Amino acid sequence: MGTQRNGFKKENYIISVDVGTTSIRCHVYDKEAQIRGSCVTKVNLLYPEPGMVELDPEELWMGFVKVVKGAVQDSGFQMCQMEALGISTQRGTFTTWDRKTGVPFHNFISWQDLRAADLVRSWNNSCTMKALHGVAKALHFLSRNKRFLAASLIVFSTQHVTLRLAWALQNWKRVEAVAQGNCCFGTIDTWLLYKLTKGLVHATDYSNASATGIFDSYQMCWSELCCFLLSLPLSILPKARDPSPPPPPQMADQQAAMFGECCFDVGDVKITMGTGTFMNINTGSQPHTSVSGLYPVVGWKIGPEVVYLAEGNAADTGTAIKWAQKLGESDRWHIPVMALCRDSGGGTFPRINGRRAPLNDPKACASFMGLKPSTTKSHLVRAILESIAFRNKQLYETMLRETHIPITKIRADGGVGTNDFVMQLTADLFGRKVSRPTRHEMSCLGAAFVAGLGVGYWRSREELKKLQSTDCVFLPRNGYGTADGKMTDQYGQVIQSWERALQRSMNWYSKA
């Protein structure tokens, strides 16, 4: 496959961009999925007030253009040799803009932003929510439909777009353009697509839409009930579409990483350990209805095929590592070496920011428990690294218990996934082998795969599987865990101590 110019055939390539929380990366891929050119720029996060996290929309767009041009230049090829463009983006970060002029009404409000925390708390404690929960419980009692049971447990979160968007519409008068039908809402993928098409396309893909909290993954459409309750006009929402060109295909970052790991089959599991941990399992053509806090998202919709994922996450994986690194005396302090001490000295670390599925307590605190005069930095570091693996085990057990889907394979990526100690202990506690890919930036690769399939650059998913490369396979050692998630005595007592510490750190920040 290539282009004919001046009698010479030039090879074509796929270019893919990943817009993350801290950086924008772009890679040029060849037919063997090898990187032939790259460029990266930093995402400039803005903190106008405590708890608020924003991004400048125009600056983000300029960063996007910069890395695309930079990656092509780095590759030594020409822009006309780029067969297709794929885009992967962070989820839940949004802005609104003028439909006529394309000028944003405000900065992007990041998924990390807490400005709607009071509104979230108010809604979760409201009579309306209690009434909705009561109706859902009654419907579950009458129908025994698990979906109604899940609805009876749903609460709002600051991570979802829902109440952050409601806050924006309530507090910024410039968004009065809503009443005039002149307001567009969009997450980062929608904004980039709008800019790329010079305002002609106002759309999002299903994977990003399903992570907003406004989208009904069962009906594959925006939730009219949610919009009605929160006074969110349907007119401002983008059209949800398949991630297939034209225009350029987009995917949410975790779903793109799942695609990049070639987790195409039911029971395939992907663990991304970056700033946070995201564990996803392929549940096939049906969304998983969870009562423990796993979130059903659309993995991808390509043509008539819809693939769903169940997702559990922890917010502070890489955050905990960076905090631990600050305990050392220099940047050259190596966590893997420090972690080789025999045990954590009886100390345990319940993590930093809140607790998610299956405990679902956002008011939990960070703490070290079981410290003694003999506790060293090495013990603290080991306790932190163990907590990452323990949390992986907790999510894994929740998935096994809830989905009843036999696990077919487990692939783990992300920056923290390069730590052999965490990877080996995770495999031990799972009682299953865990594979680590050679490539680290799987979201970018996944978006490239989708773009390449869309234009016939790669012809099938079987061809993509052959392009997979594995850096290391971690096999479970005897005496730790079993494939059904049950523990043996080797680490059982340590995990019991960690679980007790979790319970004691919960509900810490509740108001009296």
Protein backbone atom coordinates (compact mmCIF):
# COMPACT_ATOMS: atom_id res chain seq x y z
CA MET A 1 0.00 0.00 0.00
CA GLY A 2 1.43 3.34 -0.98
CA THR A 3 1.23 6.38 -3.19
CA GLN A 4 2.72 6.85 -6.64
CA ARG A 5 4.75 10.04 -7.14
CA ASN A 6 7.25 10.76 -9.92
CA GLY A 7 7.39 7.08 -10.81
CA PHE A 8 8.32 6.01 -7.28
CA LYS A 9 6.02 4.26 -4.85
CA LYS A 10 5.97 5.79 -1.40
CA GLU A 11 4.86 3.80 1.62
CA ASN A 12 1.92 5.07 3.63
CA TYR A 13 1.62 5.25 7.41
CA ILE A 14 -0.89 5.75 10.20
CA ILE A 15 -0.63 8.74 12.51
CA SER A 16 -2.22 8.68 15.95
CA VAL A 17 -2.58 11.20 18.78
CA ASP A 18 -3.24 10.55 22.46
CA VAL A 19 -4.44 13.55 24.48
CA GLY A 20 -3.73 12.61 28.09
CA THR A 21 -4.02 14.37 31.41
CA THR A 22 -0.41 15.59 31.47
CA SER A 23 0.77 15.36 27.85
CA ILE A 24 -0.26 15.14 24.19
CA ARG A 25 1.63 12.44 22.28
CA CYS A 26 1.69 11.65 18.60
CA HIS A 27 3.24 8.63 16.86
CA VAL A 28 3.62 7.62 13.23
CA TYR A 29 3.14 3.84 12.79
CA ASP A 30 4.17 1.57 9.94
CA LYS A 31 2.55 -1.68 8.79
CA GLU A 32 4.32 -3.62 11.57
CA ALA A 33 2.95 -1.13 14.14
CA GLN A 34 6.46 0.13 14.77
CA ILE A 35 6.87 3.80 15.69
CA ARG A 36 8.64 5.72 12.90
CA GLY A 37 8.26 9.24 14.29
CA SER A 38 7.09 10.88 17.52
CA CYS A 39 6.39 14.21 19.16
CA VAL A 40 5.14 15.14 22.61
CA THR A 41 4.09 18.35 24.31
CA LYS A 42 3.00 19.08 27.84
CA VAL A 43 -0.61 19.75 28.80
CA ASN A 44 -0.74 22.96 30.81
CA LEU A 45 -3.21 22.43 33.64
CA LEU A 46 -4.78 25.55 35.15
CA TYR A 47 -5.84 25.84 38.80
CA PRO A 48 -7.95 29.03 39.08
CA GLU A 49 -9.13 28.12 42.58
CA PRO A 50 -8.51 25.24 45.02
CA GLY A 51 -10.21 22.11 43.70
CA MET A 52 -10.65 23.52 40.20
CA VAL A 53 -8.69 22.04 37.28
CA GLU A 54 -8.97 23.51 33.77
CA LEU A 55 -7.35 23.42 30.32
CA ASP A 56 -7.32 26.18 27.71
CA PRO A 57 -9.25 24.88 24.63
CA GLU A 58 -7.25 26.89 22.08
CA GLU A 59 -3.96 25.94 23.71
CA LEU A 60 -4.99 22.28 23.60
CA TRP A 61 -5.84 22.60 19.90
CA MET A 62 -2.50 24.26 19.16
CA GLY A 63 -0.74 21.48 21.09
CA PHE A 64 -2.59 18.92 18.99
CA VAL A 65 -1.50 20.57 15.75
CA LYS A 66 2.05 20.90 17.06
CA VAL A 67 2.53 17.20 17.84
CA VAL A 68 0.98 16.07 14.54
CA LYS A 69 3.36 18.26 12.53
CA GLY A 70 6.25 17.36 14.81
CA ALA A 71 5.73 13.60 14.54
CA VAL A 72 5.55 13.72 10.74
CA GLN A 73 8.69 15.85 10.64
CA ASP A 74 10.45 13.48 13.05
CA SER A 75 9.54 10.52 10.85
CA GLY A 76 11.14 12.09 7.80
CA PHE A 77 8.02 11.36 5.74
CA GLN A 78 5.48 13.68 4.19
CA MET A 79 1.99 14.51 5.42
CA CYS A 80 0.52 13.08 2.20
CA GLN A 81 1.92 9.67 3.21
CA MET A 82 -0.29 9.58 6.30
CA GLU A 83 -3.08 7.15 5.38
CA ALA A 84 -5.31 7.96 8.37
CA LEU A 85 -5.42 9.81 11.68
CA GLY A 86 -6.56 8.21 14.94
CA ILE A 87 -7.34 10.14 18.12
CA SER A 88 -7.44 8.92 21.72
CA THR A 89 -8.46 11.31 24.49
CA GLN A 90 -8.87 11.53 28.23
CA ARG A 91 -12.48 11.11 29.30
CA GLY A 92 -14.88 13.38 31.14
CA THR A 93 -13.10 16.68 30.39
CA PHE A 94 -15.47 19.08 28.60
CA THR A 95 -16.19 22.61 27.47
CA THR A 96 -19.03 24.50 25.76
CA TRP A 97 -18.73 26.89 22.82
CA ASP A 98 -20.66 29.20 20.51
CA ARG A 99 -22.19 27.20 17.67
CA LYS A 100 -21.87 30.12 15.20
CA THR A 101 -18.39 31.41 15.98
CA GLY A 102 -16.72 28.34 17.51
CA VAL A 103 -15.45 30.46 20.41
CA PRO A 104 -15.42 28.58 23.76
CA PHE A 105 -17.56 29.99 26.54
CA HIS A 106 -15.08 28.76 29.15
CA ASN A 107 -12.00 26.59 29.64
CA PHE A 108 -12.16 22.82 29.61
CA ILE A 109 -13.30 21.55 33.01
CA SER A 110 -11.08 18.56 33.78
CA TRP A 111 -12.29 15.18 34.99
CA GLN A 112 -10.20 15.92 38.12
CA ASP A 113 -12.18 19.10 38.88
CA LEU A 114 -14.11 19.24 42.18
CA ARG A 115 -16.14 22.44 41.71
CA ALA A 116 -19.38 20.44 41.60
CA ALA A 117 -18.63 18.50 44.81
CA ASP A 118 -21.27 20.36 46.83
CA LEU A 119 -23.81 19.88 44.05
CA VAL A 120 -22.96 16.17 43.93
CA ARG A 121 -23.40 15.87 47.67
CA SER A 122 -26.68 17.77 47.55
CA TRP A 123 -28.08 15.60 44.76
CA ASN A 124 -27.00 12.34 46.35
CA ASN A 125 -28.77 13.33 49.58
CA SER A 126 -31.83 14.80 47.87
CA CYS A 127 -35.40 13.58 48.13
CA THR A 128 -35.41 13.14 44.35
CA MET A 129 -32.55 10.62 44.50
CA LYS A 130 -34.16 8.81 47.42
CA ALA A 131 -37.41 8.63 45.45
CA LEU A 132 -35.62 7.31 42.35
CA HIS A 133 -33.82 4.70 44.45
CA GLY A 134 -37.13 3.70 46.04
CA VAL A 135 -38.86 3.31 42.68
CA ALA A 136 -35.92 1.30 41.33
CA LYS A 137 -36.01 -1.02 44.35
CA ALA A 138 -39.73 -1.57 43.89
CA LEU A 139 -39.27 -2.34 40.20
CA HIS A 140 -36.48 -4.77 41.04
CA PHE A 141 -38.71 -6.50 43.61
CA LEU A 142 -41.46 -6.90 41.03
CA SER A 143 -39.35 -7.82 38.01
CA ARG A 144 -36.14 -9.25 39.52
CA ASN A 145 -34.35 -7.33 36.77
CA LYS A 146 -30.80 -6.68 37.97
CA ARG A 147 -30.70 -3.41 36.06
CA PHE A 148 -33.26 -1.92 38.44
CA LEU A 149 -31.20 -3.10 41.43
CA ALA A 150 -28.15 -1.33 39.96
CA ALA A 151 -30.27 1.81 39.42
CA SER A 152 -31.28 1.75 43.09
CA LEU A 153 -27.60 2.11 44.05
CA ILE A 154 -26.50 4.74 41.53
CA VAL A 155 -25.05 7.98 42.91
CA PHE A 156 -23.52 10.98 41.16
CA SER A 157 -19.75 11.50 41.07
CA THR A 158 -17.57 14.52 40.32
CA GLN A 159 -15.69 12.38 37.78
CA HIS A 160 -18.69 12.19 35.49
CA VAL A 161 -19.65 15.14 33.32
CA THR A 162 -23.27 15.32 34.56
CA LEU A 163 -23.15 17.69 37.53
CA ARG A 164 -20.04 19.54 36.41
CA LEU A 165 -21.94 20.48 33.25
CA ALA A 166 -25.02 21.37 35.30
CA TRP A 167 -22.80 23.60 37.47
CA ALA A 168 -21.38 25.33 34.39
CA LEU A 169 -24.82 26.00 32.91
CA GLN A 170 -26.03 27.37 36.23
CA ASN A 171 -23.05 29.58 37.02
CA TRP A 172 -21.86 31.04 33.69
CA LYS A 173 -24.29 33.51 32.17
CA ARG A 174 -22.46 33.34 28.85
CA VAL A 175 -23.98 29.90 28.42
CA GLU A 176 -27.38 31.55 28.16
CA ALA A 177 -26.81 30.89 24.47
CA VAL A 178 -28.40 27.53 25.32
CA ALA A 179 -31.82 29.17 25.23
CA GLN A 180 -31.05 30.51 21.77
CA GLY A 181 -29.93 27.11 20.47
CA ASN A 182 -26.44 28.49 19.98
CA CYS A 183 -24.47 26.36 22.45
CA CYS A 184 -22.37 23.25 21.76
CA PHE A 185 -21.18 20.87 24.47
CA GLY A 186 -18.32 18.51 23.94
CA THR A 187 -15.56 16.46 25.50
CA ILE A 188 -12.02 16.80 24.14
CA ASP A 189 -12.65 14.44 21.22
CA THR A 190 -15.70 16.49 20.16
CA TRP A 191 -13.76 19.76 20.33
CA LEU A 192 -10.86 18.39 18.24
CA LEU A 193 -13.25 16.97 15.65
CA TYR A 194 -15.09 20.30 15.50
CA LYS A 195 -11.80 22.11 14.88
CA LEU A 196 -10.54 19.55 12.36
CA THR A 197 -13.73 19.86 10.29
CA LYS A 198 -13.81 23.68 10.67
CA GLY A 199 -17.08 23.56 12.55
CA LEU A 200 -18.93 21.22 10.22
CA VAL A 201 -19.12 18.23 12.59
CA HIS A 202 -20.42 18.29 16.16
CA ALA A 203 -20.09 14.66 17.21
CA THR A 204 -18.55 12.24 19.67
CA ASP A 205 -17.93 8.52 19.57
CA TYR A 206 -19.78 6.00 21.72
CA SER A 207 -16.80 5.16 23.94
CA ASN A 208 -16.39 8.77 25.07
CA ALA A 209 -20.15 9.35 25.36
CA SER A 210 -20.61 6.29 27.58
CA ALA A 211 -18.09 7.66 30.11
CA THR A 212 -19.88 10.99 30.65
CA GLY A 213 -22.67 9.72 32.92
CA ILE A 214 -25.24 11.29 30.57
CA PHE A 215 -25.31 8.39 28.12
CA ASP A 216 -27.57 5.32 28.37
CA SER A 217 -25.30 2.43 27.35
CA TYR A 218 -28.28 0.06 27.27
CA GLN A 219 -30.22 2.11 24.73
CA MET A 220 -27.10 3.56 23.02
CA CYS A 221 -28.38 7.12 23.22
CA TRP A 222 -28.25 10.17 25.48
CA SER A 223 -30.35 9.67 28.61
CA GLU A 224 -33.45 11.83 28.40
CA LEU A 225 -34.24 11.10 32.07
CA CYS A 226 -30.83 12.33 33.22
CA CYS A 227 -31.07 15.43 31.03
CA PHE A 228 -34.57 16.16 32.36
CA LEU A 229 -33.54 15.78 36.01
CA LEU A 230 -30.47 18.02 35.65
CA SER A 231 -31.97 20.50 33.14
CA LEU A 232 -29.40 19.60 30.50
CA PRO A 233 -30.79 20.53 27.06
CA LEU A 234 -30.51 17.71 24.53
CA SER A 235 -29.88 20.35 21.85
CA ILE A 236 -26.35 21.06 23.12
CA LEU A 237 -25.23 17.41 23.03
CA PRO A 238 -23.13 16.07 20.13
CA LYS A 239 -24.23 13.24 17.90
CA ALA A 240 -22.80 9.89 18.98
CA ARG A 241 -21.24 8.01 16.07
CA ASP A 242 -19.07 5.06 15.10
CA PRO A 243 -15.31 5.65 15.37
CA SER A 244 -14.73 5.12 11.66
CA PRO A 245 -13.49 7.60 9.06
CA PRO A 246 -14.37 9.98 7.70
CA PRO A 247 -13.96 12.15 9.70
CA PRO A 248 -10.97 10.98 11.84
CA PRO A 249 -11.87 8.17 14.26
CA GLN A 250 -11.80 8.93 17.96
CA MET A 251 -11.78 6.70 21.05
CA ALA A 252 -11.70 7.22 24.80
CA ASP A 253 -8.26 6.44 26.22
CA GLN A 254 -9.05 3.31 28.25
CA GLN A 255 -11.15 1.77 25.49
CA ALA A 256 -8.39 2.61 22.99
CA ALA A 257 -5.85 0.90 25.24
CA MET A 258 -8.11 -2.15 25.33
CA PHE A 259 -8.16 -2.18 21.53
CA GLY A 260 -4.41 -1.64 21.39
CA GLU A 261 -3.93 -4.69 23.63
CA CYS A 262 -6.08 -6.67 21.15
CA CYS A 263 -8.53 -7.60 23.91
CA PHE A 264 -11.21 -8.36 21.33
CA ASP A 265 -12.71 -11.48 22.95
CA VAL A 266 -15.16 -11.90 25.82
CA GLY A 267 -13.19 -12.43 29.03
CA ASP A 268 -10.10 -10.52 27.90
CA VAL A 269 -8.83 -8.23 30.69
CA LYS A 270 -6.69 -5.11 30.38
CA ILE A 271 -5.07 -3.34 33.35
CA THR A 272 -3.65 0.13 32.81
CA MET A 273 -1.56 1.38 35.73
CA GLY A 274 -0.80 5.03 35.07
CA THR A 275 -1.89 8.06 37.09
CA GLY A 276 -4.72 5.79 38.19
CA THR A 277 -5.48 2.11 37.67
CA PHE A 278 -8.16 1.10 35.18
CA MET A 279 -9.14 -2.55 34.94
CA ASN A 280 -11.45 -3.47 32.06
CA ILE A 281 -13.03 -6.76 31.07
CA ASN A 282 -14.60 -7.43 27.70
CA THR A 283 -18.23 -8.39 28.38
CA GLY A 284 -19.20 -8.85 24.74
CA SER A 285 -22.40 -7.58 23.16
CA GLN A 286 -24.20 -6.88 26.46
CA PRO A 287 -23.41 -4.17 29.03
CA HIS A 288 -22.70 -5.54 32.50
CA THR A 289 -25.14 -4.49 35.20
CA SER A 290 -23.13 -3.96 38.38
CA VAL A 291 -24.23 -3.69 42.00
CA SER A 292 -20.66 -3.23 43.32
CA GLY A 293 -19.64 -0.11 41.42
CA LEU A 294 -18.16 -1.52 38.22
CA TYR A 295 -19.03 0.90 35.43
CA PRO A 296 -20.47 -0.35 32.12
CA VAL A 297 -18.94 1.51 29.18
CA VAL A 298 -19.04 1.06 25.43
CA GLY A 299 -15.69 -0.33 24.36
CA TRP A 300 -16.23 0.41 20.70
CA LYS A 301 -18.94 0.43 18.06
CA ILE A 302 -17.63 -0.37 14.61
CA GLY A 303 -20.35 -0.85 12.05
CA PRO A 304 -23.13 -3.00 13.52
CA GLU A 305 -20.84 -4.51 16.20
CA VAL A 306 -21.02 -3.09 19.72
CA VAL A 307 -18.56 -4.31 22.35
CA TYR A 308 -19.06 -3.43 26.02
CA LEU A 309 -16.58 -3.30 28.88
CA ALA A 310 -17.02 -3.40 32.64
CA GLU A 311 -14.57 -1.07 34.35
CA GLY A 312 -13.20 -0.67 37.85
CA ASN A 313 -10.59 1.89 38.83
CA ALA A 314 -8.38 3.38 41.51
CA ALA A 315 -7.51 7.06 41.29
CA ASP A 316 -4.04 7.23 42.77
CA THR A 317 -1.63 4.61 41.43
CA GLY A 318 1.01 6.81 39.81
CA THR A 319 0.20 9.54 42.34
CA ALA A 320 1.23 7.23 45.17
CA ILE A 321 4.45 6.30 43.38
CA LYS A 322 5.39 9.96 42.80
CA TRP A 323 4.66 10.75 46.43
CA ALA A 324 6.86 7.85 47.50
CA GLN A 325 9.69 9.07 45.28
CA LYS A 326 9.69 12.35 47.16
CA LEU A 327 10.62 10.44 50.32
CA GLY A 328 14.05 9.80 48.77
CA GLU A 329 16.97 12.20 48.75
CA SER A 330 17.33 12.42 44.97
CA ASP A 331 15.54 11.77 41.70
CA ARG A 332 17.75 8.72 41.23
CA TRP A 333 16.08 6.92 44.12
CA HIS A 334 14.91 3.58 42.69
CA ILE A 335 11.67 2.20 44.03
CA PRO A 336 12.16 -1.33 42.63
CA VAL A 337 15.46 -1.69 44.53
CA MET A 338 14.01 -0.31 47.74
CA ALA A 339 11.09 -2.72 47.40
CA LEU A 340 13.35 -5.75 47.62
CA CYS A 341 13.29 -5.71 51.42
CA ARG A 342 11.73 -8.94 52.70
CA ASP A 343 8.42 -7.41 53.83
CA SER A 344 6.75 -4.15 54.78
CA GLY A 345 7.73 -4.51 58.44
CA GLY A 346 4.12 -4.90 59.50
CA GLY A 347 3.06 -1.58 57.95
CA THR A 348 0.23 -1.23 55.46
CA PHE A 349 -0.94 1.55 53.14
CA PRO A 350 -4.66 1.85 52.30
CA ARG A 351 -3.95 4.30 49.39
CA ILE A 352 -4.52 8.04 48.96
CA ASN A 353 -7.77 9.30 47.42
CA GLY A 354 -10.97 7.66 48.56
CA ARG A 355 -12.14 4.13 47.77
CA ARG A 356 -13.97 2.99 44.67
CA ALA A 357 -15.56 -0.31 43.69
CA PRO A 358 -16.38 -2.41 45.60
CA LEU A 359 -16.18 -0.18 48.74
CA ASN A 360 -17.25 3.07 47.03
CA ASP A 361 -16.30 5.53 49.77
CA PRO A 362 -15.01 8.89 48.44
CA LYS A 363 -14.51 10.13 52.02
CA ALA A 364 -11.79 7.62 52.96
CA CYS A 365 -8.38 8.98 53.97
CA ALA A 366 -4.77 8.10 53.26
CA SER A 367 -2.84 6.50 56.08
CA PHE A 368 0.00 4.22 57.05
CA MET A 369 -0.94 1.75 59.76
CA GLY A 370 1.17 -0.66 61.78
CA LEU A 371 4.26 1.56 61.94
CA LYS A 372 6.99 0.69 64.45
CA PRO A 373 10.27 2.34 65.53
CA SER A 374 12.05 -0.10 63.23
CA THR A 375 10.04 0.92 60.15
CA THR A 376 12.26 2.26 57.36
CA LYS A 377 11.66 4.00 54.03
CA SER A 378 12.12 0.63 52.36
CA HIS A 379 9.23 -0.77 54.39
CA LEU A 380 7.03 2.20 53.45
CA VAL A 381 7.83 1.81 49.75
CA ARG A 382 7.12 -1.91 49.81
CA ALA A 383 3.78 -1.22 51.52
CA ILE A 384 2.89 1.27 48.76
CA LEU A 385 3.79 -1.14 45.97
CA GLU A 386 1.96 -3.99 47.71
CA SER A 387 -1.14 -1.79 48.00
CA ILE A 388 -1.22 -1.39 44.20
CA ALA A 389 -1.19 -5.16 43.73
CA PHE A 390 -3.72 -5.64 46.55
CA ARG A 391 -6.06 -3.15 44.88
CA ASN A 392 -5.62 -5.00 41.57
CA LYS A 393 -6.64 -8.19 43.35
CA GLN A 394 -9.68 -6.47 44.88
CA LEU A 395 -10.86 -5.28 41.46
CA TYR A 396 -10.12 -8.68 39.90
CA GLU A 397 -12.17 -10.49 42.55
CA THR A 398 -15.05 -8.04 42.04
CA MET A 399 -15.02 -8.74 38.31
CA LEU A 400 -14.97 -12.49 38.85
CA ARG A 401 -17.79 -12.33 41.38
CA GLU A 402 -19.99 -9.95 39.39
CA THR A 403 -19.55 -10.92 35.75
CA HIS A 404 -19.15 -14.72 36.04
CA ILE A 405 -17.15 -14.48 32.82
CA PRO A 406 -14.19 -16.89 32.47
CA ILE A 407 -10.98 -14.88 32.11
CA THR A 408 -9.23 -15.60 28.81
CA LYS A 409 -6.12 -13.41 29.09
CA ILE A 410 -4.74 -10.53 31.17
CA ARG A 411 -2.59 -7.76 29.69
CA ALA A 412 -1.13 -4.94 31.81
CA ASP A 413 0.36 -1.64 30.65
CA GLY A 414 1.03 1.89 31.85
CA GLY A 415 4.01 3.52 33.54
CA VAL A 416 3.60 1.72 36.87
CA GLY A 417 3.29 -1.54 34.92
CA THR A 418 7.01 -1.29 34.18
CA ASN A 419 7.66 -2.12 37.84
CA ASP A 420 8.47 -5.85 37.98
CA PHE A 421 7.63 -6.13 41.69
CA VAL A 422 4.06 -4.89 41.17
CA MET A 423 3.60 -7.04 38.08
CA GLN A 424 4.89 -10.22 39.72
CA LEU A 425 2.85 -9.76 42.89
CA THR A 426 -0.26 -9.05 40.80
CA ALA A 427 0.26 -12.32 38.88
CA ASP A 428 0.85 -14.15 42.17
CA LEU A 429 -2.33 -12.83 43.78
CA PHE A 430 -4.41 -13.49 40.65
CA GLY A 431 -3.05 -17.00 40.32
CA ARG A 432 -2.82 -16.33 36.58
CA LYS A 433 -0.17 -15.22 34.14
CA VAL A 434 -0.09 -11.50 33.34
CA SER A 435 1.54 -10.25 30.14
CA ARG A 436 3.25 -6.90 29.73
CA PRO A 437 3.52 -5.50 26.19
CA THR A 438 6.74 -4.16 24.74
CA ARG A 439 4.99 -0.91 23.85
CA HIS A 440 3.84 1.32 26.70
CA GLU A 441 1.49 3.82 25.03
CA MET A 442 -1.38 1.51 24.21
CA SER A 443 -4.08 4.20 23.89
CA CYS A 444 -2.22 5.76 20.98
CA LEU A 445 -1.71 2.35 19.36
CA GLY A 446 -5.37 1.41 19.82
CA ALA A 447 -6.54 4.59 18.09
CA ALA A 448 -4.08 3.86 15.28
CA PHE A 449 -5.45 0.31 14.92
CA VAL A 450 -9.04 1.59 14.61
CA ALA A 451 -8.00 4.23 12.08
CA GLY A 452 -5.97 1.70 10.08
CA LEU A 453 -8.80 -0.84 9.98
CA GLY A 454 -11.16 1.87 8.80
CA VAL A 455 -9.12 2.57 5.66
CA GLY A 456 -7.95 -0.98 5.01
CA TYR A 457 -4.35 -0.32 6.09
CA TRP A 458 -4.74 -3.39 8.29
CA ARG A 459 -7.34 -5.86 7.04
CA SER A 460 -8.46 -7.73 10.14
CA ARG A 461 -8.14 -8.02 13.89
CA GLU A 462 -6.34 -11.31 13.43
CA GLU A 463 -3.66 -9.37 11.57
CA LEU A 464 -3.47 -6.93 14.50
CA LYS A 465 -3.02 -9.80 16.97
CA LYS A 466 0.04 -10.94 15.01
CA LEU A 467 1.54 -7.49 15.52
CA GLN A 468 1.40 -7.84 19.31
CA SER A 469 4.74 -7.96 21.08
CA THR A 470 5.25 -9.02 24.69
CA ASP A 471 8.05 -7.68 26.87
CA CYS A 472 7.56 -10.11 29.73
CA VAL A 473 5.11 -12.75 30.96
CA PHE A 474 4.74 -12.93 34.74
CA LEU A 475 3.79 -16.41 35.88
CA PRO A 476 2.16 -16.91 39.29
CA ARG A 477 4.40 -18.44 41.93
CA ASN A 478 3.08 -21.21 44.13
CA GLY A 479 1.60 -20.33 47.51
CA TYR A 480 0.07 -16.93 46.79
CA GLY A 481 -3.31 -17.16 45.07
CA THR A 482 -5.47 -19.22 42.76
CA ALA A 483 -7.14 -18.43 39.44
CA ASP A 484 -10.54 -18.05 41.12
CA GLY A 485 -9.22 -15.21 43.30
CA LYS A 486 -8.93 -17.21 46.54
CA MET A 487 -5.92 -16.61 48.77
CA THR A 488 -3.47 -19.09 50.25
CA ASP A 489 -1.60 -18.57 53.53
CA GLN A 490 1.51 -17.04 51.90
CA TYR A 491 0.06 -13.53 51.66
CA GLY A 492 -3.32 -14.03 53.31
CA GLN A 493 -2.42 -12.42 56.64
CA VAL A 494 -0.82 -9.38 54.98
CA ILE A 495 -3.91 -8.77 52.86
CA GLN A 496 -6.18 -9.20 55.88
CA SER A 497 -4.19 -6.45 57.63
CA TRP A 498 -4.54 -4.25 54.54
CA GLU A 499 -8.30 -4.86 54.41
CA ARG A 500 -8.64 -3.96 58.11
CA ALA A 501 -6.71 -0.76 57.43
CA LEU A 502 -9.11 0.01 54.56
CA GLN A 503 -12.10 -0.29 56.87
CA ARG A 504 -10.54 1.92 59.54
CA SER A 505 -9.67 4.67 57.06
CA MET A 506 -13.15 4.83 55.54
CA ASN A 507 -15.63 7.65 56.13
CA TRP A 508 -12.79 9.76 57.58
CA TYR A 509 -13.77 13.05 55.98
CA SER A 510 -17.48 12.85 56.81
CA LYS A 511 -18.92 15.92 58.47
CA ALA A 512 -20.16 15.41 61.98
